[in-house]
């Protein structure tokens, strides 16, 4: 299967579950091949690029609560750095 289609399928699984996990205080915006997480004040927190398998923590990341920072880093590493299949993603975000 084409890599871009795999990324789209992965995003379709991850984004709704990540939004639910983060709660109402954050916005997750889908961009081509990845997503960005913003605070409700529209300050960027995280940029994740699934095509190039990397993520970037932005300026307001340190303003997040500690438990949320840890959870986000673990999830972002899992999402971007490793070649995981859909069943593993489902288990992780269940």
N, C-alpha and C. Protein backbone atom coordinates (compact mmCIF):
# COMPACT_ATOMS: atom_id res chain seq x y z
N UNK A 1 0.85 -1.18 0.00
CA UNK A 1 0.00 0.00 0.00
C UNK A 1 0.89 1.25 0.00
N UNK A 2 0.45 2.29 -0.62
CA UNK A 2 1.16 3.55 -0.70
C UNK A 2 1.37 4.13 0.70
N UNK A 3 2.57 4.71 0.94
CA UNK A 3 2.88 5.26 2.26
C UNK A 3 1.92 6.36 2.67
N UNK A 4 1.53 7.21 1.73
CA UNK A 4 0.62 8.30 2.08
C UNK A 4 -0.76 7.76 2.50
N UNK A 5 -1.19 6.65 1.89
CA UNK A 5 -2.46 6.04 2.30
C UNK A 5 -2.34 5.43 3.70
N UNK A 6 -1.20 4.83 3.99
CA UNK A 6 -0.99 4.29 5.33
C UNK A 6 -1.00 5.39 6.38
N UNK A 7 -0.39 6.52 6.06
CA UNK A 7 -0.38 7.65 6.98
C UNK A 7 -1.81 8.16 7.20
N UNK A 8 -2.59 8.26 6.15
CA UNK A 8 -3.97 8.72 6.28
C UNK A 8 -4.80 7.77 7.14
N UNK A 9 -4.63 6.48 6.94
CA UNK A 9 -5.35 5.50 7.76
C UNK A 9 -4.94 5.62 9.22
N UNK A 10 -3.64 5.78 9.45
CA UNK A 10 -3.13 5.93 10.81
C UNK A 10 -3.72 7.18 11.46
N UNK A 11 -3.75 8.29 10.72
CA UNK A 11 -4.31 9.53 11.24
C UNK A 11 -5.80 9.38 11.56
N UNK A 12 -6.53 8.67 10.72
CA UNK A 12 -7.96 8.47 10.95
C UNK A 12 -8.22 7.71 12.24
N UNK A 13 -7.30 6.84 12.61
CA UNK A 13 -7.44 6.08 13.86
C UNK A 13 -6.99 6.92 15.05
N UNK A 14 -5.86 7.58 14.91
CA UNK A 14 -5.21 8.25 16.04
C UNK A 14 -5.90 9.54 16.46
N UNK A 15 -6.23 10.40 15.50
CA UNK A 15 -6.68 11.75 15.85
C UNK A 15 -7.93 11.81 16.72
N UNK A 16 -8.99 11.05 16.42
CA UNK A 16 -10.15 11.12 17.32
C UNK A 16 -9.83 10.65 18.73
N UNK A 17 -8.99 9.62 18.83
CA UNK A 17 -8.65 9.08 20.15
C UNK A 17 -7.72 10.02 20.90
N UNK A 18 -6.80 10.67 20.19
CA UNK A 18 -5.91 11.63 20.82
C UNK A 18 -6.68 12.84 21.30
N UNK A 19 -7.65 13.31 20.53
CA UNK A 19 -8.48 14.44 20.94
C UNK A 19 -9.23 14.11 22.22
N UNK A 20 -9.77 12.91 22.30
CA UNK A 20 -10.51 12.49 23.48
C UNK A 20 -9.58 12.40 24.68
N UNK A 21 -8.37 11.90 24.47
CA UNK A 21 -7.39 11.74 25.54
C UNK A 21 -6.93 13.10 26.07
N UNK A 22 -6.74 14.07 25.19
CA UNK A 22 -6.29 15.39 25.60
C UNK A 22 -7.38 16.18 26.33
N UNK A 23 -8.62 15.97 25.95
CA UNK A 23 -9.71 16.70 26.57
C UNK A 23 -10.07 17.95 25.79
N UNK A 24 -10.91 18.77 26.37
CA UNK A 24 -11.45 19.92 25.67
C UNK A 24 -10.53 21.14 25.68
N UNK A 25 -9.44 21.10 26.44
CA UNK A 25 -8.58 22.28 26.56
C UNK A 25 -7.61 22.43 25.39
N UNK A 26 -7.59 21.48 24.46
CA UNK A 26 -6.62 21.50 23.38
C UNK A 26 -7.30 21.21 22.05
N UNK A 27 -6.72 21.76 20.98
CA UNK A 27 -7.25 21.51 19.63
C UNK A 27 -6.20 20.74 18.85
N UNK A 28 -6.64 19.71 18.14
CA UNK A 28 -5.76 18.95 17.27
C UNK A 28 -6.18 19.25 15.84
N UNK A 29 -5.28 19.83 15.06
CA UNK A 29 -5.56 20.22 13.69
C UNK A 29 -4.79 19.31 12.75
N UNK A 30 -5.49 18.71 11.82
CA UNK A 30 -4.88 17.82 10.84
C UNK A 30 -4.25 18.64 9.72
N UNK A 31 -3.01 18.31 9.39
CA UNK A 31 -2.34 18.91 8.24
C UNK A 31 -1.82 17.78 7.38
N UNK A 32 -1.37 18.08 6.20
CA UNK A 32 -0.98 17.00 5.29
C UNK A 32 0.15 16.17 5.88
N UNK A 33 -0.09 14.90 6.08
CA UNK A 33 0.91 13.98 6.59
C UNK A 33 1.15 14.04 8.07
N UNK A 34 0.33 14.78 8.80
CA UNK A 34 0.53 14.86 10.23
C UNK A 34 -0.51 15.73 10.90
N UNK A 35 -0.15 16.30 12.05
CA UNK A 35 -1.09 17.14 12.79
C UNK A 35 -0.32 18.09 13.70
N UNK A 36 -1.04 19.11 14.18
CA UNK A 36 -0.52 20.05 15.16
C UNK A 36 -1.50 20.09 16.32
N UNK A 37 -0.95 20.28 17.51
CA UNK A 37 -1.77 20.43 18.71
C UNK A 37 -1.60 21.87 19.18
N UNK A 38 -2.74 22.51 19.46
CA UNK A 38 -2.75 23.90 19.91
C UNK A 38 -3.47 23.99 21.26
N UNK A 39 -3.07 24.99 22.05
CA UNK A 39 -3.84 25.31 23.24
C UNK A 39 -5.11 26.03 22.79
N UNK A 40 -6.03 26.23 23.70
CA UNK A 40 -7.26 26.94 23.34
C UNK A 40 -6.99 28.42 23.07
N UNK A 41 -5.80 28.90 23.43
CA UNK A 41 -5.39 30.27 23.12
C UNK A 41 -4.68 30.34 21.77
N UNK A 42 -4.78 29.26 20.99
CA UNK A 42 -4.16 29.13 19.67
C UNK A 42 -2.64 29.21 19.70
N UNK A 43 -2.04 28.80 20.80
CA UNK A 43 -0.59 28.70 20.89
C UNK A 43 -0.18 27.29 20.47
N UNK A 44 0.74 27.14 19.53
CA UNK A 44 1.14 25.80 19.09
C UNK A 44 1.93 25.08 20.19
N UNK A 45 1.63 23.79 20.35
CA UNK A 45 2.27 22.98 21.38
C UNK A 45 3.15 21.91 20.75
N UNK A 46 2.60 21.20 19.76
CA UNK A 46 3.31 20.07 19.15
C UNK A 46 3.02 20.03 17.65
N UNK A 47 4.04 19.67 16.88
CA UNK A 47 3.86 19.37 15.47
C UNK A 47 4.34 17.95 15.25
N UNK A 48 3.52 17.11 14.66
CA UNK A 48 3.88 15.71 14.37
C UNK A 48 3.81 15.49 12.86
N UNK A 49 4.89 14.98 12.31
CA UNK A 49 4.99 14.68 10.88
C UNK A 49 5.12 13.17 10.72
N UNK A 50 4.04 12.51 10.29
CA UNK A 50 4.06 11.06 10.20
C UNK A 50 4.77 10.56 8.95
N UNK A 51 4.86 11.39 7.93
CA UNK A 51 5.54 10.96 6.71
C UNK A 51 7.05 10.86 6.95
N UNK A 52 7.61 11.89 7.59
CA UNK A 52 9.05 11.89 7.88
C UNK A 52 9.38 11.26 9.23
N UNK A 53 8.36 10.80 9.93
CA UNK A 53 8.50 10.10 11.21
C UNK A 53 9.27 10.92 12.23
N UNK A 54 8.76 12.12 12.50
CA UNK A 54 9.37 12.97 13.51
C UNK A 54 8.30 13.86 14.14
N UNK A 55 8.62 14.35 15.32
CA UNK A 55 7.73 15.32 15.95
C UNK A 55 8.58 16.43 16.55
N UNK A 56 7.94 17.58 16.75
CA UNK A 56 8.63 18.76 17.26
C UNK A 56 7.79 19.35 18.39
N UNK A 57 8.42 19.55 19.53
CA UNK A 57 7.76 20.18 20.67
C UNK A 57 7.95 21.69 20.52
N UNK A 58 6.86 22.42 20.58
CA UNK A 58 6.91 23.86 20.34
C UNK A 58 6.86 24.64 21.66
N UNK A 59 6.92 25.95 21.58
CA UNK A 59 7.09 26.84 22.71
C UNK A 59 6.23 26.58 23.93
N UNK A 60 4.95 26.38 23.77
CA UNK A 60 4.06 26.25 24.93
C UNK A 60 4.00 24.83 25.50
N UNK A 61 4.82 23.94 24.99
CA UNK A 61 4.80 22.56 25.50
C UNK A 61 5.11 22.51 27.00
N UNK A 62 6.05 23.34 27.45
CA UNK A 62 6.43 23.31 28.86
C UNK A 62 5.36 23.88 29.78
N UNK A 63 4.36 24.53 29.23
CA UNK A 63 3.26 25.06 30.04
C UNK A 63 2.19 24.02 30.32
N UNK A 64 2.29 22.85 29.70
CA UNK A 64 1.32 21.79 29.93
C UNK A 64 1.58 21.13 31.29
N UNK A 65 0.55 20.54 31.89
CA UNK A 65 0.78 19.78 33.12
C UNK A 65 1.74 18.61 32.86
N UNK A 66 2.49 18.25 33.89
CA UNK A 66 3.52 17.21 33.76
C UNK A 66 2.98 15.90 33.22
N UNK A 67 1.85 15.42 33.76
CA UNK A 67 1.30 14.13 33.31
C UNK A 67 0.96 14.18 31.82
N UNK A 68 0.48 15.33 31.35
CA UNK A 68 0.11 15.48 29.95
C UNK A 68 1.35 15.52 29.06
N UNK A 69 2.40 16.18 29.52
CA UNK A 69 3.66 16.20 28.76
C UNK A 69 4.21 14.79 28.60
N UNK A 70 4.24 14.04 29.68
CA UNK A 70 4.76 12.66 29.61
C UNK A 70 3.92 11.80 28.68
N UNK A 71 2.61 11.89 28.81
CA UNK A 71 1.72 11.09 27.97
C UNK A 71 1.89 11.46 26.50
N UNK A 72 2.00 12.75 26.23
CA UNK A 72 2.15 13.20 24.84
C UNK A 72 3.46 12.73 24.24
N UNK A 73 4.55 12.83 24.98
CA UNK A 73 5.84 12.39 24.44
C UNK A 73 5.82 10.90 24.16
N UNK A 74 5.27 10.10 25.08
CA UNK A 74 5.17 8.66 24.84
C UNK A 74 4.33 8.36 23.61
N UNK A 75 3.17 9.00 23.51
CA UNK A 75 2.28 8.76 22.37
C UNK A 75 2.91 9.22 21.06
N UNK A 76 3.56 10.37 21.07
CA UNK A 76 4.16 10.89 19.85
C UNK A 76 5.32 10.01 19.38
N UNK A 77 6.10 9.50 20.31
CA UNK A 77 7.16 8.56 19.93
C UNK A 77 6.56 7.32 19.31
N UNK A 78 5.51 6.82 19.92
CA UNK A 78 4.84 5.62 19.42
C UNK A 78 4.25 5.87 18.04
N UNK A 79 3.62 7.02 17.85
CA UNK A 79 2.96 7.34 16.58
C UNK A 79 3.96 7.56 15.46
N UNK A 80 5.02 8.32 15.74
CA UNK A 80 5.88 8.79 14.66
C UNK A 80 7.13 7.97 14.43
N UNK A 81 7.77 7.48 15.47
CA UNK A 81 9.09 6.88 15.29
C UNK A 81 9.06 5.40 14.93
N UNK A 82 8.00 4.72 15.26
CA UNK A 82 7.97 3.28 15.05
C UNK A 82 6.97 2.90 13.97
N UNK A 83 7.30 1.90 13.22
CA UNK A 83 6.41 1.40 12.17
C UNK A 83 5.44 0.41 12.81
N UNK A 84 4.30 0.90 13.26
CA UNK A 84 3.34 0.06 13.95
C UNK A 84 2.12 -0.17 13.08
N UNK A 85 1.48 -1.29 13.30
CA UNK A 85 0.28 -1.58 12.52
C UNK A 85 -0.97 -1.09 13.26
N UNK A 86 -2.09 -1.17 12.60
CA UNK A 86 -3.33 -0.59 13.13
C UNK A 86 -3.80 -1.25 14.41
N UNK A 87 -3.60 -2.56 14.55
CA UNK A 87 -4.06 -3.24 15.76
C UNK A 87 -3.27 -2.78 16.98
N UNK A 88 -1.98 -2.50 16.82
CA UNK A 88 -1.16 -1.99 17.92
C UNK A 88 -1.62 -0.58 18.31
N UNK A 89 -1.98 0.22 17.32
CA UNK A 89 -2.47 1.57 17.59
C UNK A 89 -3.79 1.49 18.35
N UNK A 90 -4.68 0.61 17.92
CA UNK A 90 -5.96 0.44 18.60
C UNK A 90 -5.77 0.08 20.07
N UNK A 91 -4.82 -0.84 20.34
CA UNK A 91 -4.55 -1.25 21.72
C UNK A 91 -4.00 -0.09 22.54
N UNK A 92 -3.10 0.67 21.96
CA UNK A 92 -2.44 1.77 22.67
C UNK A 92 -3.44 2.87 23.05
N UNK A 93 -4.35 3.17 22.14
CA UNK A 93 -5.27 4.27 22.34
C UNK A 93 -6.67 3.81 22.78
N UNK A 94 -6.79 2.60 23.23
CA UNK A 94 -8.11 2.08 23.65
C UNK A 94 -8.62 2.75 24.90
